[in-house]
Protein backbone atom coordinates (compact mmCIF):
# COMPACT_ATOMS: atom_id res chain seq x y z
CA MET A 1 64.72 6.37 82.32
CA GLY A 2 68.02 4.40 82.49
CA ASN A 3 68.26 0.02 82.84
CA ASP A 4 66.53 -0.76 85.49
CA GLY A 5 64.37 1.73 86.78
CA TYR A 6 67.55 4.08 86.68
CA MET A 7 66.30 7.88 86.83
CA PRO A 8 69.62 10.01 85.97
CA THR A 9 70.79 12.52 88.23
CA ALA A 10 70.74 16.59 86.76
CA GLU A 11 74.17 17.87 86.63
CA LYS A 12 75.33 19.98 88.65
CA SER A 13 77.99 23.15 86.86
CA LEU A 14 80.82 24.25 88.43
CA SER A 15 83.52 26.61 88.35
CA VAL A 16 87.01 25.96 88.64
CA PRO A 17 89.89 28.77 89.34
CA VAL A 18 93.40 27.76 87.27
CA SER A 19 96.01 30.22 87.32
CA ASP A 20 94.58 34.01 86.27
CA THR A 21 91.60 32.31 84.94
CA LYS A 22 88.76 30.03 85.68
CA VAL A 23 87.13 26.93 83.78
CA SER A 24 83.65 25.43 83.48
CA ALA A 25 82.79 21.87 85.08
CA LEU A 26 79.71 19.60 85.13
CA TYR A 27 79.38 16.86 87.72
CA LEU A 28 77.39 13.99 87.37
CA CYS A 29 76.75 12.02 90.99
CA PRO A 30 74.56 9.23 90.98
CA GLU A 31 73.87 7.92 94.53
CA HIS A 32 76.73 6.45 96.15
CA PRO A 33 79.06 6.05 93.70
CA VAL A 34 81.45 3.49 93.75
CA ALA A 35 84.58 5.84 92.09
CA THR A 36 84.71 9.23 90.23
CA LEU A 37 86.42 9.58 86.90
CA VAL A 38 87.55 13.37 86.23
CA LEU A 39 87.17 13.60 82.34
CA ALA A 40 88.99 15.97 79.98
CA HIS A 41 87.89 16.97 76.44
CA GLY A 42 90.03 16.34 73.33
CA ALA A 43 91.58 18.82 71.29
CA GLY A 44 89.02 19.61 69.17
CA ALA A 45 85.84 19.42 71.16
CA GLY A 46 84.69 20.61 74.53
CA MET A 47 83.35 18.61 77.67
CA GLU A 48 79.88 18.93 76.06
CA HIS A 49 80.50 17.26 73.21
CA PRO A 50 78.01 14.35 72.88
CA PHE A 51 80.47 11.56 73.09
CA LEU A 52 81.57 12.60 76.52
CA GLN A 53 77.86 13.41 77.49
CA GLY A 54 76.63 9.78 76.56
CA PHE A 55 79.79 8.49 78.15
CA ALA A 56 79.04 10.21 81.25
CA ALA A 57 75.26 9.52 81.73
CA ALA A 58 76.11 6.00 80.84
CA LEU A 59 78.71 5.67 83.35
CA ALA A 60 75.86 7.51 85.95
CA GLU A 61 73.74 4.32 85.62
CA GLU A 62 76.76 1.78 86.07
CA GLY A 63 77.80 3.87 89.41
CA VAL A 64 81.03 6.13 88.28
CA ALA A 65 80.38 10.01 88.84
CA THR A 66 82.03 12.64 86.55
CA LEU A 67 83.32 15.73 86.90
CA ARG A 68 84.05 16.56 83.32
CA PHE A 69 86.04 20.13 82.92
CA ASN A 70 87.25 22.25 79.42
CA PHE A 71 90.38 23.54 79.37
CA PRO A 72 91.53 27.21 79.34
CA TYR A 73 91.78 27.37 75.53
CA ARG A 74 87.98 26.07 74.70
CA GLU A 75 86.92 28.39 77.96
CA ALA A 76 87.97 31.47 75.79
CA GLY A 77 87.24 29.51 72.24
CA ARG A 78 90.36 29.55 71.21
CA ARG A 79 91.45 26.68 68.99
CA PHE A 80 94.67 25.53 69.33
CA PRO A 81 94.63 23.62 72.73
CA ASP A 82 97.01 24.65 75.59
CA ARG A 83 100.75 24.14 76.16
CA PRO A 84 101.64 21.18 78.60
CA PRO A 85 102.34 23.27 81.90
CA LEU A 86 98.82 25.14 81.14
CA ALA A 87 96.99 21.65 80.31
CA ILE A 88 98.88 20.13 83.55
CA ALA A 89 97.85 23.03 86.42
CA THR A 90 94.30 22.89 85.35
CA TRP A 91 94.26 19.10 85.84
CA ARG A 92 95.86 19.61 89.59
CA ALA A 93 93.50 22.37 89.59
CA VAL A 94 90.01 19.92 88.88
CA MET A 95 91.35 17.07 90.50
CA GLU A 96 91.68 19.34 94.10
CA ALA A 97 88.39 20.33 93.16
CA ALA A 98 87.19 16.60 92.43
CA ALA A 99 88.36 15.90 95.42
CA GLU A 100 86.32 18.18 97.76
CA LEU A 101 83.36 16.76 96.21
CA THR A 102 83.97 13.50 96.53
CA ASP A 103 84.64 13.42 100.23
CA GLY A 104 87.79 10.73 100.06
CA GLY A 105 86.28 8.39 97.54
CA PRO A 106 88.50 7.16 94.57
CA LEU A 107 89.49 9.26 92.40
CA TRP A 108 90.73 8.60 88.65
CA ALA A 109 91.52 10.59 85.94
CA GLY A 110 91.31 10.51 81.89
CA GLY A 111 90.33 11.60 79.23
CA LYS A 112 89.41 11.60 75.17
CA SER A 113 92.85 11.99 73.15
CA PHE A 114 94.31 14.86 74.32
CA GLY A 115 92.49 15.11 77.64
CA GLY A 116 93.82 11.71 78.51
CA ARG A 117 97.48 12.06 77.72
CA MET A 118 97.30 15.72 79.78
CA ALA A 119 96.31 13.61 82.46
CA SER A 120 98.59 11.10 82.03
CA MET A 121 101.55 13.72 82.32
CA ALA A 122 99.94 15.37 85.33
CA VAL A 123 99.95 11.82 87.40
CA ALA A 124 103.74 10.77 85.63
CA GLU A 125 104.47 14.55 87.42
CA GLY A 126 103.41 14.35 90.73
CA MET A 127 99.31 14.60 90.45
CA PRO A 128 97.60 12.05 93.01
CA ALA A 129 94.90 9.81 91.05
CA GLN A 130 93.93 6.03 91.72
CA GLY A 131 94.25 5.51 87.94
CA LEU A 132 94.74 6.57 84.26
CA VAL A 133 91.70 5.93 81.70
CA TYR A 134 92.52 6.83 77.97
CA LEU A 135 89.75 7.01 75.15
CA GLY A 136 91.90 6.93 72.02
CA TYR A 137 95.27 7.92 73.43
CA PRO A 138 97.51 9.23 70.94
CA LEU A 139 100.64 8.21 70.59
CA HIS A 140 101.74 9.64 67.58
CA ALA A 141 100.61 12.25 64.93
CA PRO A 142 99.33 10.75 61.66
CA GLY A 143 101.51 8.95 59.74
CA LYS A 144 104.83 9.83 62.35
CA PRO A 145 105.09 6.66 64.24
CA GLU A 146 108.57 7.63 64.74
CA LYS A 147 107.78 10.55 67.12
CA LEU A 148 105.93 8.82 70.05
CA ARG A 149 104.58 10.40 72.55
CA ASP A 150 105.19 7.36 74.89
CA GLU A 151 108.23 8.71 77.41
CA HIS A 152 106.54 9.84 80.65
CA LEU A 153 104.15 6.46 80.52
CA TYR A 154 106.99 4.08 81.84
CA GLY A 155 107.13 6.31 85.41
CA VAL A 156 103.57 5.89 85.88
CA THR A 157 102.97 3.38 88.65
CA VAL A 158 98.76 3.37 89.04
CA PRO A 159 96.86 1.33 87.35
CA MET A 160 95.92 2.63 83.06
CA LEU A 161 93.28 1.35 80.95
CA PHE A 162 93.90 2.31 77.13
CA LEU A 163 90.75 1.77 75.33
CA GLN A 164 91.72 2.13 71.41
CA GLY A 165 90.12 1.58 68.09
CA THR A 166 92.06 -1.29 65.93
CA ARG A 167 91.42 1.70 62.74
CA ASP A 168 92.67 4.80 64.87
CA THR A 169 95.08 6.64 63.10
CA PHE A 170 96.95 8.09 66.27
CA ALA A 171 97.92 4.37 67.25
CA THR A 172 99.74 1.97 64.98
CA PRO A 173 98.17 -1.10 66.78
CA GLU A 174 101.63 -3.03 67.07
CA ILE A 175 103.68 -0.23 68.36
CA LEU A 176 100.88 0.53 71.03
CA GLU A 177 101.01 -2.74 72.16
CA ALA A 178 104.72 -2.84 72.63
CA VAL A 179 104.29 0.23 74.32
CA VAL A 180 101.44 -1.27 76.86
CA GLY A 181 103.79 -4.50 77.37
CA ARG A 182 106.90 -2.10 78.01
CA ILE A 183 104.81 -0.05 80.92
CA GLY A 184 104.03 -3.83 82.21
CA PRO A 185 100.96 -5.55 84.52
CA THR A 186 100.02 -2.26 85.70
CA ALA A 187 98.78 -1.19 82.29
CA LYS A 188 95.53 -2.92 80.41
CA LEU A 189 94.64 -2.88 76.79
CA GLN A 190 91.19 -3.29 75.03
CA TRP A 191 90.96 -2.70 71.50
CA CYS A 192 87.44 -1.27 69.95
CA GLU A 193 87.72 -3.54 66.58
CA GLY A 194 86.87 -1.49 63.61
CA GLY A 195 87.12 1.84 65.43
CA ASP A 196 88.71 4.99 64.70
CA HIS A 197 90.21 7.94 66.94
CA SER A 198 86.20 8.56 68.01
CA PHE A 199 85.80 5.16 67.89
CA ALA A 200 83.07 5.43 64.73
CA VAL A 201 83.10 2.03 63.44
CA LYS A 202 82.13 1.57 59.65
CA GLY A 203 78.73 0.52 58.90
CA MET A 204 77.03 0.76 62.46
CA LYS A 205 74.95 3.74 62.34
CA ARG A 206 75.71 5.54 65.79
CA SER A 207 75.25 8.88 67.46
CA ALA A 208 78.20 10.29 68.95
CA ALA A 209 76.43 9.82 72.13
CA GLU A 210 75.72 6.25 71.68
CA VAL A 211 79.26 5.70 70.65
CA GLY A 212 80.50 7.34 73.55
CA ALA A 213 78.04 5.47 76.18
CA SER A 214 78.84 2.13 74.52
CA LEU A 215 82.45 2.23 76.01
CA ALA A 216 80.88 2.78 79.40
CA PRO A 217 80.86 -0.82 81.04
CA ALA A 218 84.30 -1.73 79.89
CA VAL A 219 85.42 1.71 81.89
CA ALA A 220 83.53 0.88 85.06
CA GLU A 221 84.12 -2.87 85.14
CA PHE A 222 88.18 -1.48 85.25
CA LEU A 223 87.07 1.48 87.80
CA ARG A 224 85.68 -1.15 90.26
CA ALA A 225 88.35 -3.68 89.98
CA GLY A 226 90.76 -0.88 91.48
CA ALA A 227 88.45 1.18 93.75
């Protein structure tokens, strides 16, 4: 049982057709959700990683439903992420499935690192979404700040929340601040002091699930404001 006597809702397993394959998804929906966040995993872990499990469970306590899913490469047990065309096609398919589940409620897209970046590319190419949430946006590869992954972001007009650790080697702070400033008022940047790319903070002993859960209040507040 969670805060204020909240009893967690059981996750519902789904299978979503994508091109010539299918991907697994997990739907967690509290009673009368204020919004639904479709959530993609990072490059090195699937939808059942404790970080995403903790994040989704904490969002449910905040009144936000989530639909987590695997990309095809993860579903097939491969290590190397799908190319953008397939990843974007997966995003579109899962968002369509989410729209059927939510019956017209506010539908947001987001994810950890790679998953969030693919969501932003899908929206830049026309995929409908109320807004975007990035849990550690991979602005550049570690040590390569000259090769930014930002061009498509300036064409995205929906609200965006960047949650980023100050020690994240995938986003030099001053560069990310400049990018968010260039996007304009639709983008919000919130720093996790001392956090790395997985939001782990030196000296703080927390499980991955606890780390994920710690990000939920800020995300829920952002979604409620834009719902």
